[in-house]
């Protein structure tokens, strides 16, 4: 059950990150209960010496052209098999902060 909640929260975070243009337009983002951090806050976490697990949700071609150093690539394809997505998310460590991004 914990894993399913983690997967659900992670997917909700992923879906909300896709809609960051709303933040730039000063609109209210969906799912306000999901924690969001700024690039500056992420940099602070990286500089602190205990970096989070960073997941780049773009396709592999975009990832290969440039990504945050140390980020892993887990492509979010809303039309893909949810079971494959679930299996990838289960592999993420549960004892570390996981930051998803899609620039």
Foldseek 3Di string as FASTA:
>chain_A
DVLVVQLVLVVVLVVQQVVCVCVVVVHDTPPPVRDDDDPVVQVVQVVVPQHFAEEEQDDPVVVVVDDDPNHHYDHDDVVDDVVVVSVVSSPHDPVGDYHYHYD
